[in-house]
Amino acid sequence: MINWIYQWYKPEGELQAQTLIPQFTDLIFGGISREDFFDSLSAIDQQRAESGKQYREFLRVPAMSAGLYVLPAGGTDSQRPHHEDETYYVIRGGPIQSG
């Protein structure tokens, strides 16, 4: 995210440098603790479940977006081909690819 700041940061926009500096400093020197990550993930998953959908977006900037996508064991991925690149982080289970 920090490496791509030139893509999404607009000095004239709502997000001011004074707000970003302490957030970036905390991220660089403190990182994201495992507990904070999973607490946030739990909250996002609760919002996703309440919506009745498999996917919940939690970040969108011009250069990228991120979200939580949940499939039940043995479930079918109903996504259609799309133009965006994807990165997957599997928390439980593992990927199964079909030919």
N, C-alpha and C. Protein backbone atom coordinates (compact mmCIF):
# COMPACT_ATOMS: atom_id res chain seq x y z
N MET A 1 0.82 -1.18 0.00
CA MET A 1 0.00 0.00 0.00
C MET A 1 0.87 1.25 0.00
N ILE A 2 1.89 1.28 0.83
CA ILE A 2 2.75 2.46 0.91
C ILE A 2 3.51 2.64 -0.40
N ASN A 3 3.98 1.55 -0.99
CA ASN A 3 4.71 1.64 -2.25
C ASN A 3 3.85 2.21 -3.38
N TRP A 4 2.55 2.07 -3.29
CA TRP A 4 1.64 2.51 -4.35
C TRP A 4 1.00 3.86 -4.04
N ILE A 5 1.50 4.57 -3.04
CA ILE A 5 0.87 5.83 -2.64
C ILE A 5 0.79 6.82 -3.80
N TYR A 6 1.77 6.80 -4.68
CA TYR A 6 1.75 7.73 -5.82
C TYR A 6 0.55 7.45 -6.74
N GLN A 7 -0.02 6.26 -6.67
CA GLN A 7 -1.16 5.91 -7.50
C GLN A 7 -2.48 6.41 -6.91
N TRP A 8 -2.60 6.37 -5.59
CA TRP A 8 -3.90 6.66 -5.00
C TRP A 8 -3.98 7.92 -4.15
N TYR A 9 -2.84 8.43 -3.67
CA TYR A 9 -2.91 9.61 -2.81
C TYR A 9 -3.08 10.88 -3.63
N LYS A 10 -4.06 11.68 -3.27
CA LYS A 10 -4.33 12.96 -3.91
C LYS A 10 -4.22 14.05 -2.85
N PRO A 11 -3.15 14.88 -2.89
CA PRO A 11 -2.97 15.92 -1.86
C PRO A 11 -4.18 16.84 -1.70
N GLU A 12 -4.93 17.04 -2.78
CA GLU A 12 -6.09 17.91 -2.70
C GLU A 12 -7.34 17.18 -2.21
N GLY A 13 -7.23 15.88 -1.97
CA GLY A 13 -8.37 15.07 -1.54
C GLY A 13 -8.66 15.19 -0.05
N GLU A 14 -9.60 14.35 0.41
CA GLU A 14 -10.03 14.38 1.81
C GLU A 14 -8.97 13.86 2.77
N LEU A 15 -8.17 12.90 2.34
CA LEU A 15 -7.17 12.28 3.20
C LEU A 15 -5.90 13.14 3.22
N GLN A 16 -5.60 13.71 4.35
CA GLN A 16 -4.47 14.63 4.48
C GLN A 16 -3.22 13.90 4.97
N ALA A 17 -2.06 14.42 4.58
CA ALA A 17 -0.77 13.83 4.97
C ALA A 17 -0.65 13.72 6.49
N GLN A 18 -1.18 14.69 7.22
CA GLN A 18 -1.10 14.66 8.68
C GLN A 18 -1.81 13.44 9.26
N THR A 19 -2.80 12.93 8.55
CA THR A 19 -3.51 11.73 8.98
C THR A 19 -2.72 10.48 8.62
N LEU A 20 -2.10 10.49 7.45
CA LEU A 20 -1.37 9.32 6.97
C LEU A 20 -0.07 9.07 7.73
N ILE A 21 0.62 10.11 8.07
CA ILE A 21 1.95 9.95 8.69
C ILE A 21 1.91 9.08 9.94
N PRO A 22 1.04 9.36 10.92
CA PRO A 22 1.04 8.48 12.10
C PRO A 22 0.58 7.06 11.78
N GLN A 23 -0.35 6.90 10.83
CA GLN A 23 -0.80 5.55 10.46
C GLN A 23 0.33 4.76 9.83
N PHE A 24 1.07 5.38 8.90
CA PHE A 24 2.19 4.70 8.26
C PHE A 24 3.29 4.40 9.27
N THR A 25 3.56 5.34 10.16
CA THR A 25 4.59 5.14 11.18
C THR A 25 4.23 3.95 12.06
N ASP A 26 2.99 3.89 12.52
CA ASP A 26 2.55 2.75 13.33
C ASP A 26 2.68 1.44 12.57
N LEU A 27 2.29 1.45 11.30
CA LEU A 27 2.36 0.24 10.48
C LEU A 27 3.80 -0.23 10.30
N ILE A 28 4.71 0.71 10.02
CA ILE A 28 6.10 0.35 9.77
C ILE A 28 6.78 -0.13 11.05
N PHE A 29 6.62 0.60 12.14
CA PHE A 29 7.34 0.26 13.36
C PHE A 29 6.61 -0.75 14.24
N GLY A 30 5.30 -0.79 14.15
CA GLY A 30 4.54 -1.69 15.00
C GLY A 30 3.96 -2.89 14.29
N GLY A 31 3.78 -2.74 12.98
CA GLY A 31 3.16 -3.81 12.22
C GLY A 31 1.70 -3.98 12.61
N ILE A 32 1.13 -5.03 12.14
CA ILE A 32 -0.24 -5.38 12.49
C ILE A 32 -0.15 -6.63 13.35
N SER A 33 -0.62 -6.51 14.58
CA SER A 33 -0.53 -7.68 15.46
C SER A 33 -1.51 -8.75 14.99
N ARG A 34 -1.18 -9.97 15.27
CA ARG A 34 -2.03 -11.09 14.89
C ARG A 34 -3.43 -10.92 15.49
N GLU A 35 -3.48 -10.48 16.74
CA GLU A 35 -4.78 -10.31 17.39
C GLU A 35 -5.61 -9.23 16.70
N ASP A 36 -4.98 -8.09 16.37
CA ASP A 36 -5.71 -7.02 15.68
C ASP A 36 -6.23 -7.49 14.33
N PHE A 37 -5.39 -8.24 13.60
CA PHE A 37 -5.79 -8.72 12.29
C PHE A 37 -7.01 -9.62 12.40
N PHE A 38 -6.97 -10.58 13.31
CA PHE A 38 -8.09 -11.52 13.41
C PHE A 38 -9.31 -10.89 14.04
N ASP A 39 -9.14 -9.89 14.92
CA ASP A 39 -10.30 -9.15 15.44
C ASP A 39 -10.98 -8.41 14.30
N SER A 40 -10.19 -7.74 13.45
CA SER A 40 -10.76 -7.03 12.31
C SER A 40 -11.41 -8.00 11.34
N LEU A 41 -10.75 -9.11 11.08
CA LEU A 41 -11.29 -10.11 10.17
C LEU A 41 -12.61 -10.66 10.69
N SER A 42 -12.71 -10.87 12.00
CA SER A 42 -13.96 -11.36 12.59
C SER A 42 -15.09 -10.36 12.39
N ALA A 43 -14.80 -9.07 12.57
CA ALA A 43 -15.81 -8.04 12.38
C ALA A 43 -16.25 -7.98 10.92
N ILE A 44 -15.30 -8.08 10.00
CA ILE A 44 -15.62 -8.05 8.57
C ILE A 44 -16.46 -9.27 8.21
N ASP A 45 -16.09 -10.43 8.75
CA ASP A 45 -16.85 -11.65 8.47
C ASP A 45 -18.27 -11.56 9.03
N GLN A 46 -18.42 -10.94 10.18
CA GLN A 46 -19.77 -10.76 10.74
C GLN A 46 -20.61 -9.87 9.83
N GLN A 47 -20.04 -8.78 9.33
CA GLN A 47 -20.75 -7.90 8.40
C GLN A 47 -21.11 -8.66 7.12
N ARG A 48 -20.17 -9.47 6.63
CA ARG A 48 -20.42 -10.25 5.43
C ARG A 48 -21.57 -11.22 5.65
N ALA A 49 -21.54 -11.93 6.77
CA ALA A 49 -22.59 -12.90 7.07
C ALA A 49 -23.96 -12.23 7.21
N GLU A 50 -23.99 -11.07 7.86
CA GLU A 50 -25.24 -10.34 8.03
C GLU A 50 -25.82 -9.88 6.70
N SER A 51 -24.95 -9.65 5.72
CA SER A 51 -25.42 -9.21 4.40
C SER A 51 -25.98 -10.38 3.59
N GLY A 52 -25.66 -11.61 4.01
CA GLY A 52 -26.13 -12.78 3.27
C GLY A 52 -25.31 -13.07 2.02
N LYS A 53 -24.17 -12.42 1.88
CA LYS A 53 -23.34 -12.58 0.69
C LYS A 53 -22.05 -13.32 1.03
N GLN A 54 -21.38 -13.85 -0.01
CA GLN A 54 -20.12 -14.55 0.18
C GLN A 54 -18.95 -13.59 0.26
N TYR A 55 -19.10 -12.35 -0.23
CA TYR A 55 -17.99 -11.42 -0.35
C TYR A 55 -18.29 -10.11 0.37
N ARG A 56 -17.30 -9.59 1.07
CA ARG A 56 -17.42 -8.28 1.73
C ARG A 56 -16.15 -7.49 1.45
N GLU A 57 -16.28 -6.41 0.69
CA GLU A 57 -15.14 -5.54 0.42
C GLU A 57 -14.85 -4.69 1.64
N PHE A 58 -13.57 -4.58 2.02
CA PHE A 58 -13.23 -3.75 3.16
C PHE A 58 -12.18 -2.68 2.83
N LEU A 59 -11.67 -2.66 1.61
CA LEU A 59 -10.72 -1.64 1.20
C LEU A 59 -10.90 -1.36 -0.28
N ARG A 60 -10.97 -0.07 -0.64
CA ARG A 60 -11.00 0.32 -2.05
C ARG A 60 -10.27 1.64 -2.20
N VAL A 61 -9.23 1.60 -3.00
CA VAL A 61 -8.49 2.79 -3.41
C VAL A 61 -8.35 2.68 -4.93
N PRO A 62 -7.98 3.74 -5.62
CA PRO A 62 -7.95 3.66 -7.09
C PRO A 62 -7.12 2.50 -7.66
N ALA A 63 -6.02 2.14 -7.01
CA ALA A 63 -5.15 1.12 -7.58
C ALA A 63 -5.51 -0.30 -7.18
N MET A 64 -6.37 -0.48 -6.17
CA MET A 64 -6.68 -1.84 -5.71
C MET A 64 -7.89 -1.86 -4.80
N SER A 65 -8.38 -3.05 -4.56
CA SER A 65 -9.40 -3.25 -3.54
C SER A 65 -9.09 -4.58 -2.85
N ALA A 66 -9.69 -4.77 -1.68
CA ALA A 66 -9.50 -6.01 -0.95
C ALA A 66 -10.82 -6.37 -0.28
N GLY A 67 -11.04 -7.66 -0.13
CA GLY A 67 -12.26 -8.11 0.49
C GLY A 67 -12.12 -9.50 1.04
N LEU A 68 -13.13 -9.92 1.78
CA LEU A 68 -13.18 -11.25 2.37
C LEU A 68 -14.20 -12.07 1.59
N TYR A 69 -13.76 -13.21 1.09
CA TYR A 69 -14.63 -14.10 0.30
C TYR A 69 -14.65 -15.44 1.01
N VAL A 70 -15.84 -15.91 1.35
CA VAL A 70 -15.98 -17.14 2.13
C VAL A 70 -16.77 -18.17 1.34
N LEU A 71 -16.18 -19.34 1.22
CA LEU A 71 -16.85 -20.48 0.61
C LEU A 71 -16.95 -21.58 1.64
N PRO A 72 -18.10 -22.23 1.75
CA PRO A 72 -18.19 -23.37 2.65
C PRO A 72 -17.38 -24.54 2.09
N ALA A 73 -17.01 -25.48 2.96
CA ALA A 73 -16.26 -26.66 2.52
C ALA A 73 -17.03 -27.34 1.39
N GLY A 74 -16.35 -27.57 0.28
CA GLY A 74 -16.97 -28.20 -0.88
C GLY A 74 -17.84 -27.27 -1.69
N GLY A 75 -17.89 -25.99 -1.33
CA GLY A 75 -18.73 -25.02 -2.02
C GLY A 75 -18.20 -24.70 -3.41
N THR A 76 -19.05 -24.12 -4.22
CA THR A 76 -18.71 -23.74 -5.59
C THR A 76 -18.46 -22.25 -5.66
N ASP A 77 -17.37 -21.88 -6.30
CA ASP A 77 -17.04 -20.47 -6.51
C ASP A 77 -17.88 -19.98 -7.68
N SER A 78 -18.79 -19.05 -7.41
CA SER A 78 -19.72 -18.58 -8.44
C SER A 78 -19.21 -17.35 -9.19
N GLN A 79 -17.97 -16.95 -8.92
CA GLN A 79 -17.44 -15.78 -9.63
C GLN A 79 -17.29 -16.07 -11.11
N ARG A 80 -17.46 -15.05 -11.91
CA ARG A 80 -17.25 -15.13 -13.35
C ARG A 80 -15.86 -14.58 -13.67
N PRO A 81 -15.29 -14.92 -14.82
CA PRO A 81 -14.00 -14.33 -15.19
C PRO A 81 -14.08 -12.80 -15.17
N HIS A 82 -13.01 -12.18 -14.70
CA HIS A 82 -12.96 -10.73 -14.64
C HIS A 82 -11.54 -10.26 -14.92
N HIS A 83 -11.38 -8.96 -15.08
CA HIS A 83 -10.10 -8.40 -15.53
C HIS A 83 -9.13 -8.07 -14.41
N GLU A 84 -9.55 -8.09 -13.18
CA GLU A 84 -8.68 -7.74 -12.07
C GLU A 84 -7.78 -8.91 -11.69
N ASP A 85 -6.55 -8.59 -11.30
CA ASP A 85 -5.66 -9.59 -10.72
C ASP A 85 -6.15 -9.91 -9.32
N GLU A 86 -5.82 -11.10 -8.85
CA GLU A 86 -6.27 -11.50 -7.51
C GLU A 86 -5.13 -12.13 -6.73
N THR A 87 -5.19 -11.93 -5.43
CA THR A 87 -4.30 -12.60 -4.50
C THR A 87 -5.18 -13.26 -3.46
N TYR A 88 -4.90 -14.50 -3.13
CA TYR A 88 -5.70 -15.22 -2.15
C TYR A 88 -4.86 -15.50 -0.91
N TYR A 89 -5.47 -15.36 0.24
CA TYR A 89 -4.86 -15.72 1.50
C TYR A 89 -5.83 -16.70 2.15
N VAL A 90 -5.50 -17.97 2.14
CA VAL A 90 -6.40 -18.99 2.65
C VAL A 90 -6.18 -19.13 4.15
N ILE A 91 -7.23 -18.92 4.92
CA ILE A 91 -7.12 -18.96 6.37
C ILE A 91 -7.36 -20.37 6.89
N ARG A 92 -8.35 -21.04 6.34
CA ARG A 92 -8.64 -22.43 6.72
C ARG A 92 -8.89 -23.21 5.45
N GLY A 93 -8.57 -24.49 5.48
CA GLY A 93 -8.79 -25.32 4.31
C GLY A 93 -7.68 -25.08 3.29
N GLY A 94 -7.98 -25.33 2.06
CA GLY A 94 -6.99 -25.16 1.01
C GLY A 94 -7.67 -25.07 -0.33
N PRO A 95 -6.93 -24.61 -1.33
CA PRO A 95 -7.54 -24.46 -2.65
C PRO A 95 -7.70 -25.80 -3.37
N ILE A 96 -8.74 -25.87 -4.14
CA ILE A 96 -8.97 -27.02 -5.01
C ILE A 96 -9.20 -26.44 -6.40
N GLN A 97 -8.40 -26.87 -7.35
CA GLN A 97 -8.55 -26.36 -8.70
C GLN A 97 -9.13 -27.46 -9.58
N SER A 98 -10.05 -27.06 -10.43
CA SER A 98 -10.60 -28.03 -11.37
C SER A 98 -10.18 -27.61 -12.78
N GLY A 99 -9.99 -28.58 -13.63
CA GLY A 99 -9.47 -28.33 -14.96
C GLY A 99 -10.51 -27.92 -15.90
